[in-house]
Amino acid sequence: MLPASESSGRVDGRINHGEKHPIIWAMVIVTFISLMAFFITSISASFLPSSQETYENIVFPYFFVLLLPVVLPGVPLKLLLIFTFLVLSLSFAYMIIETLWGRNRDPLATPVGFFIIAASAAYFLVFAISLIEEYSGVAIGGTTISNELVGKPFLTYSSLIFAPLAEETGFRILPLGLLTFFLVRYRRKSYHHRIDNDPGLGSQIVQSFLVPGRFRRTNGIYNLTAIDWTFVAITAGLFGLAHVLFGVWSDGKIITAGIVGVVLAVGFLKFGPYVDIPIHWVFNGVLTLYYVYSPLESATVLFALWLIATGIVSIIYVAAYLSRHGLRI
């Protein structure tokens, strides 16, 4: 049995299921549908006949273990694309199912709602801070990526949409998944916590990496702890630094990438990789798609403006949400 304070925390940690927020939900649904249109177009554009000659190019997938890059054996680009789109498709599908089947109706407490609100808010913050840095003379860089998108659009775009999988593995899934596993194990041992159908060690490991938020909640952890925030800060800082050390960015990118890293880390801890990988994809694969499929250029500009507007609304909503509930997971 749990101590009385722990038991009461289980009740206090739950969000009011009656909060529906129709205006926020309308914003979420419109943005999500727009992103799905970009995603479907991305798949179609990636398999256009004009790209056929590059399909058999051998590429070398990679992932990070924090700042340690791990390069895997070469595979045809076509296989890497199929794998990337499969992971994203499964993420979106699971996100939708969890949202529809869940009882919670507060947008920020659902996978789809968090995905849209977090991505919009992060995009606005990155946009605003980038303007401030540019005005202040702080270099951000990224010109090389733009040049490569012009010179080798398909290869560069393929690299950009695979990057969320590679980078989320090393900066969020591995370190924060391990953190979740040990925190839950410690709590279960400390409070002699037992539940019906107690999962075995293998199941606990899988849940820690794939559904850490649910795994924490079923074990009575409803808030991010001090050690969670320490890991969030460390991984976000290293994520920002990695863009300078391994990318084509300048020092100003550390701040903007670090902010996105915090959002991605919270998304992982609250839900799992099926949310933080798609958020990362929004930054890498949506606003650069027009390089591969030029008819989308005007739509991309309009969608970027939409993200700025929804980002402002999202930040206001998040502030109100936190004032009511704190940061529940």
Protein backbone atom coordinates (compact mmCIF):
# COMPACT_ATOMS: atom_id res chain seq x y z
CA MET A 1 0.00 0.00 0.00
CA LEU A 2 1.06 3.58 -0.59
CA PRO A 3 1.44 6.15 2.17
CA ALA A 4 -1.61 8.37 2.67
CA SER A 5 0.08 11.34 1.03
CA GLU A 6 0.92 9.21 -1.99
CA SER A 7 -2.61 7.87 -2.26
CA SER A 8 -4.12 11.35 -2.10
CA GLY A 9 -1.62 12.47 -4.71
CA ARG A 10 -3.08 9.94 -7.12
CA VAL A 11 -6.41 11.73 -6.91
CA ASP A 12 -5.01 15.25 -6.88
CA GLY A 13 -2.80 14.49 -9.87
CA ARG A 14 -5.66 13.81 -12.21
CA ILE A 15 -6.93 16.45 -14.60
CA ASN A 16 -10.57 17.49 -14.73
CA HIS A 17 -12.00 15.48 -17.63
CA GLY A 18 -14.77 18.01 -18.15
CA GLU A 19 -12.55 20.81 -19.50
CA LYS A 20 -13.24 20.74 -23.24
CA HIS A 21 -11.94 24.10 -24.56
CA PRO A 22 -13.77 24.12 -27.94
CA ILE A 23 -11.79 27.02 -29.41
CA ILE A 24 -8.44 25.41 -28.59
CA TRP A 25 -9.66 22.08 -29.91
CA ALA A 26 -10.76 23.74 -33.16
CA MET A 27 -7.26 25.21 -33.53
CA VAL A 28 -5.71 21.83 -32.76
CA ILE A 29 -7.86 19.96 -35.28
CA VAL A 30 -7.30 22.46 -38.11
CA THR A 31 -3.54 22.44 -37.52
CA PHE A 32 -3.38 18.66 -37.22
CA ILE A 33 -5.30 18.14 -40.47
CA SER A 34 -2.99 20.62 -42.20
CA LEU A 35 0.05 18.74 -40.93
CA MET A 36 -1.39 15.44 -42.13
CA ALA A 37 -1.81 17.00 -45.58
CA PHE A 38 1.87 17.98 -45.50
CA PHE A 39 2.78 14.47 -44.34
CA ILE A 40 0.87 12.75 -47.14
CA THR A 41 2.38 15.17 -49.66
CA SER A 42 5.82 14.44 -48.22
CA ILE A 43 5.36 10.72 -48.85
CA SER A 44 4.06 11.32 -52.38
CA ALA A 45 6.83 13.80 -53.23
CA SER A 46 9.50 11.46 -51.90
CA PHE A 47 8.46 8.77 -54.34
CA LEU A 48 8.01 10.90 -57.44
CA PRO A 49 9.50 9.42 -60.64
CA SER A 50 11.99 12.32 -60.77
CA SER A 51 13.57 11.01 -57.58
CA GLN A 52 13.94 7.42 -58.77
CA GLU A 53 17.61 7.74 -59.73
CA THR A 54 18.63 8.52 -56.15
CA TYR A 55 16.70 5.66 -54.52
CA GLU A 56 19.58 3.22 -54.75
CA ASN A 57 22.13 5.65 -53.28
CA ILE A 58 23.78 4.06 -50.28
CA VAL A 59 23.31 6.15 -47.15
CA PHE A 60 24.56 5.57 -43.63
CA PRO A 61 21.88 5.80 -40.93
CA TYR A 62 23.02 7.10 -37.57
CA PHE A 63 21.74 7.85 -34.12
CA PHE A 64 23.09 9.62 -31.08
CA VAL A 65 23.86 8.51 -27.56
CA LEU A 66 23.82 12.07 -26.24
CA LEU A 67 26.86 13.66 -27.94
CA LEU A 68 28.21 10.33 -29.23
CA PRO A 69 27.15 9.71 -32.85
CA VAL A 70 26.80 6.05 -33.84
CA VAL A 71 26.95 5.32 -37.58
CA LEU A 72 25.22 2.18 -38.85
CA PRO A 73 26.04 0.11 -41.98
CA GLY A 74 24.97 1.61 -45.29
CA VAL A 75 21.53 0.90 -46.74
CA PRO A 76 19.75 2.04 -49.91
CA LEU A 77 18.07 5.41 -49.44
CA LYS A 78 14.71 3.91 -50.42
CA LEU A 79 14.77 1.57 -47.39
CA LEU A 80 15.64 4.45 -45.08
CA LEU A 81 12.73 6.49 -46.44
CA ILE A 82 10.29 3.62 -46.01
CA PHE A 83 11.48 3.10 -42.44
CA THR A 84 11.20 6.83 -41.64
CA PHE A 85 7.68 7.17 -43.01
CA LEU A 86 6.62 3.95 -41.29
CA VAL A 87 7.77 5.23 -37.89
CA LEU A 88 6.04 8.56 -38.43
CA SER A 89 2.84 6.88 -39.65
CA LEU A 90 2.72 4.60 -36.61
CA SER A 91 3.37 7.58 -34.34
CA PHE A 92 0.50 9.57 -35.81
CA ALA A 93 -1.83 6.57 -35.71
CA TYR A 94 -1.07 5.79 -32.07
CA MET A 95 -1.36 9.47 -31.18
CA ILE A 96 -4.85 9.63 -32.71
CA ILE A 97 -5.99 6.39 -31.07
CA GLU A 98 -4.77 7.46 -27.64
CA THR A 99 -6.54 10.80 -27.99
CA LEU A 100 -9.85 9.33 -29.19
CA TRP A 101 -9.92 6.54 -26.62
CA GLY A 102 -8.73 8.63 -23.71
CA ARG A 103 -11.22 10.11 -21.26
CA ASN A 104 -9.34 13.38 -20.91
CA ARG A 105 -10.67 16.29 -22.94
CA ASP A 106 -8.23 18.99 -21.90
CA PRO A 107 -6.17 19.43 -25.12
CA LEU A 108 -2.78 19.70 -23.45
CA ALA A 109 -3.39 16.41 -21.63
CA THR A 110 -3.96 14.48 -24.87
CA PRO A 111 -1.29 13.35 -27.37
CA VAL A 112 -2.73 15.19 -30.39
CA GLY A 113 -3.44 18.33 -28.39
CA PHE A 114 0.01 18.39 -26.82
CA PHE A 115 1.63 17.70 -30.21
CA ILE A 116 -0.02 20.70 -31.86
CA ILE A 117 0.15 23.10 -28.91
CA ALA A 118 3.79 22.27 -28.10
CA ALA A 119 4.93 22.41 -31.73
CA SER A 120 3.15 25.74 -32.33
CA ALA A 121 4.43 27.33 -29.12
CA ALA A 122 7.98 26.12 -29.78
CA TYR A 123 7.88 27.38 -33.37
CA PHE A 124 6.76 30.83 -32.25
CA LEU A 125 9.49 30.98 -29.58
CA VAL A 126 12.15 29.90 -32.06
CA PHE A 127 10.90 32.45 -34.59
CA ALA A 128 10.86 35.28 -32.03
CA ILE A 129 14.24 34.45 -30.50
CA SER A 130 15.82 34.06 -33.93
CA LEU A 131 14.64 37.56 -34.83
CA ILE A 132 16.10 38.93 -31.59
CA GLU A 133 19.41 37.13 -32.18
CA GLU A 134 19.57 38.36 -35.75
CA TYR A 135 18.83 41.93 -34.66
CA SER A 136 21.50 41.63 -31.93
CA GLY A 137 24.10 40.31 -34.36
CA VAL A 138 24.19 36.77 -32.94
CA ALA A 139 24.87 34.31 -35.74
CA ILE A 140 22.54 31.32 -36.11
CA GLY A 141 23.83 29.79 -39.34
CA GLY A 142 22.04 27.15 -41.37
CA THR A 143 22.89 28.68 -44.75
CA THR A 144 24.65 25.48 -45.79
CA ILE A 145 21.45 23.47 -45.32
CA SER A 146 19.52 25.94 -47.49
CA ASN A 147 22.19 25.68 -50.19
CA GLU A 148 22.11 21.90 -50.04
CA LEU A 149 18.31 21.91 -50.28
CA VAL A 150 18.64 23.95 -53.46
CA GLY A 151 21.48 21.85 -54.92
CA LYS A 152 20.43 18.39 -53.73
CA PRO A 153 16.85 18.79 -52.55
CA PHE A 154 15.80 15.15 -52.35
CA LEU A 155 18.91 13.84 -50.57
CA THR A 156 18.99 16.76 -48.14
CA TYR A 157 15.26 16.55 -47.41
CA SER A 158 15.60 12.81 -46.79
CA SER A 159 18.33 13.53 -44.26
CA LEU A 160 16.20 16.17 -42.55
CA ILE A 161 13.17 13.92 -42.08
CA PHE A 162 15.32 11.05 -40.78
CA ALA A 163 17.06 13.33 -38.27
CA PRO A 164 14.13 13.36 -35.79
CA LEU A 165 14.37 9.58 -35.43
CA ALA A 166 18.14 9.64 -35.02
CA GLU A 167 18.30 12.59 -32.66
CA GLU A 168 15.29 11.70 -30.51
CA THR A 169 16.81 8.26 -29.93
CA GLY A 170 19.94 9.68 -28.34
CA PHE A 171 18.71 12.87 -26.70
CA ARG A 172 15.33 11.78 -25.38
CA ILE A 173 14.42 8.08 -25.74
CA LEU A 174 17.60 6.51 -24.33
CA PRO A 175 18.46 8.86 -21.44
CA LEU A 176 14.92 9.77 -20.39
CA GLY A 177 13.64 6.23 -20.94
CA LEU A 178 16.36 4.90 -18.63
CA LEU A 179 15.54 7.63 -16.12
CA THR A 180 11.88 6.61 -16.18
CA PHE A 181 12.77 2.95 -15.67
CA PHE A 182 14.95 3.63 -12.62
CA LEU A 183 12.54 6.16 -11.08
CA VAL A 184 9.64 3.73 -11.31
CA ARG A 185 11.74 0.84 -10.01
CA TYR A 186 12.89 2.96 -7.07
CA ARG A 187 9.35 4.04 -6.26
CA ARG A 188 7.96 0.52 -6.44
CA LYS A 189 10.72 -0.73 -4.17
CA SER A 190 10.43 2.17 -1.71
CA TYR A 191 6.66 1.93 -1.30
CA HIS A 192 6.37 -1.83 -1.91
CA HIS A 193 4.00 -0.83 -4.68
CA ARG A 194 2.20 -3.71 -6.35
CA ILE A 195 -0.57 -3.65 -8.91
CA ASP A 196 -2.71 -6.34 -10.49
CA ASN A 197 -1.01 -8.09 -13.41
CA ASP A 198 2.33 -6.68 -12.29
CA PRO A 199 4.47 -6.43 -15.46
CA GLY A 200 7.73 -8.32 -15.65
CA LEU A 201 11.12 -6.69 -16.08
CA GLY A 202 11.01 -6.88 -19.88
CA SER A 203 7.61 -5.20 -20.01
CA GLN A 204 8.79 -2.48 -17.64
CA ILE A 205 11.77 -1.73 -19.88
CA VAL A 206 9.59 -1.56 -23.01
CA GLN A 207 7.07 0.72 -21.31
CA SER A 208 9.85 3.00 -20.03
CA PHE A 209 11.02 3.67 -23.58
CA LEU A 210 7.77 3.57 -25.56
CA VAL A 211 5.05 4.84 -23.20
CA PRO A 212 6.94 6.45 -20.30
CA GLY A 213 4.11 8.82 -19.37
CA ARG A 214 1.54 6.06 -18.96
CA PHE A 215 4.10 3.84 -17.17
CA ARG A 216 4.80 6.63 -14.68
CA ARG A 217 1.12 7.35 -14.08
CA THR A 218 0.20 3.69 -13.50
CA ASN A 219 2.90 3.67 -10.84
CA GLY A 220 1.66 6.82 -9.12
CA ILE A 221 4.11 9.37 -10.57
CA TYR A 222 2.02 12.34 -11.71
CA ASN A 223 4.53 15.18 -11.69
CA LEU A 224 8.00 15.75 -13.08
CA THR A 225 10.55 15.46 -10.29
CA ALA A 226 13.65 17.56 -9.64
CA ILE A 227 15.80 14.86 -11.21
CA ASP A 228 13.50 14.87 -14.27
CA TRP A 229 14.03 18.60 -14.72
CA THR A 230 17.77 18.15 -14.27
CA PHE A 231 17.81 15.56 -17.07
CA VAL A 232 15.55 17.74 -19.23
CA ALA A 233 17.96 20.68 -18.84
CA ILE A 234 21.05 18.56 -19.52
CA THR A 235 19.64 16.81 -22.59
CA ALA A 236 18.25 20.09 -23.98
CA GLY A 237 21.60 21.81 -23.50
CA LEU A 238 23.48 18.97 -25.17
CA PHE A 239 20.91 18.94 -27.97
CA GLY A 240 21.55 22.61 -28.63
CA LEU A 241 25.32 22.10 -28.46
CA ALA A 242 25.15 19.16 -30.88
CA HIS A 243 23.72 21.43 -33.58
CA VAL A 244 26.92 23.47 -33.41
CA LEU A 245 29.37 20.60 -32.99
CA PHE A 246 27.89 18.25 -35.60
CA GLY A 247 25.77 20.53 -37.76
CA VAL A 248 26.21 23.64 -39.84
CA TRP A 249 24.86 26.05 -37.25
CA SER A 250 26.45 28.86 -35.29
CA ASP A 251 26.32 29.58 -31.56
CA GLY A 252 22.90 31.26 -31.69
CA LYS A 253 21.37 27.89 -32.54
CA ILE A 254 22.20 26.57 -29.07
CA ILE A 255 19.46 28.71 -27.53
CA THR A 256 16.70 27.95 -30.04
CA ALA A 257 17.53 24.24 -30.31
CA GLY A 258 17.79 24.08 -26.52
CA ILE A 259 14.27 25.50 -26.13
CA VAL A 260 12.93 22.95 -28.61
CA GLY A 261 14.86 20.29 -26.68
CA VAL A 262 12.97 21.17 -23.49
CA VAL A 263 9.62 20.86 -25.31
CA LEU A 264 10.65 17.54 -26.86
CA ALA A 265 11.82 16.17 -23.51
CA VAL A 266 8.57 17.11 -21.76
CA GLY A 267 6.61 15.57 -24.65
CA PHE A 268 8.54 12.33 -24.27
CA LEU A 269 8.13 12.16 -20.49
CA LYS A 270 4.43 13.02 -20.67
CA PHE A 271 3.62 10.63 -23.51
CA GLY A 272 6.48 8.97 -25.39
CA PRO A 273 8.45 8.96 -28.66
CA TYR A 274 5.20 8.86 -30.63
CA VAL A 275 4.79 12.54 -29.68
CA ASP A 276 8.31 14.00 -29.53
CA ILE A 277 9.43 12.48 -32.86
CA PRO A 278 6.48 14.09 -34.74
CA ILE A 279 7.11 17.45 -33.02
CA HIS A 280 10.72 17.29 -34.22
CA TRP A 281 9.47 16.37 -37.71
CA VAL A 282 7.39 19.57 -37.87
CA PHE A 283 10.60 21.63 -37.66
CA ASN A 284 12.59 19.49 -40.10
CA GLY A 285 10.13 18.09 -42.60
CA VAL A 286 7.20 20.48 -42.98
CA LEU A 287 8.64 23.91 -43.67
CA THR A 288 11.32 22.52 -46.02
CA LEU A 289 9.03 20.30 -48.12
CA TYR A 290 8.60 22.93 -50.83
CA TYR A 291 12.24 22.42 -51.82
CA VAL A 292 11.22 18.95 -52.99
CA TYR A 293 7.70 19.87 -54.13
CA SER A 294 7.72 23.49 -55.35
CA PRO A 295 3.90 23.93 -55.68
CA LEU A 296 3.79 24.00 -51.86
CA GLU A 297 5.89 27.16 -51.51
CA SER A 298 2.96 29.55 -51.01
CA ALA A 299 1.13 27.10 -48.77
CA THR A 300 4.27 26.71 -46.66
CA VAL A 301 4.51 30.46 -46.09
CA LEU A 302 0.83 30.61 -45.08
CA PHE A 303 1.26 27.63 -42.75
CA ALA A 304 4.31 29.23 -41.13
CA LEU A 305 2.23 32.35 -40.43
CA TRP A 306 -0.53 30.12 -39.06
CA LEU A 307 1.98 28.44 -36.71
CA ILE A 308 3.09 31.84 -35.45
CA ALA A 309 -0.52 32.81 -34.70
CA THR A 310 -1.37 29.46 -33.10
CA GLY A 311 1.90 29.63 -31.20
CA ILE A 312 0.83 32.85 -29.49
CA VAL A 313 -2.55 31.33 -28.59
CA SER A 314 -0.82 28.15 -27.41
CA ILE A 315 1.54 30.00 -25.08
CA ILE A 316 -1.39 31.84 -23.47
CA TYR A 317 -3.29 28.56 -23.09
CA VAL A 318 -0.26 26.74 -21.63
CA ALA A 319 0.22 29.53 -19.07
CA ALA A 320 -3.43 29.21 -18.02
CA TYR A 321 -3.16 25.41 -17.92
CA LEU A 322 -0.05 25.48 -15.73
CA SER A 323 -1.67 27.94 -13.33
CA ARG A 324 -4.53 25.48 -12.82
CA HIS A 325 -2.81 22.12 -12.86
CA GLY A 326 0.94 22.56 -12.73
CA LEU A 327 2.89 20.31 -15.07
CA ARG A 328 1.12 16.99 -14.72
CA ILE A 329 2.25 13.98 -16.67
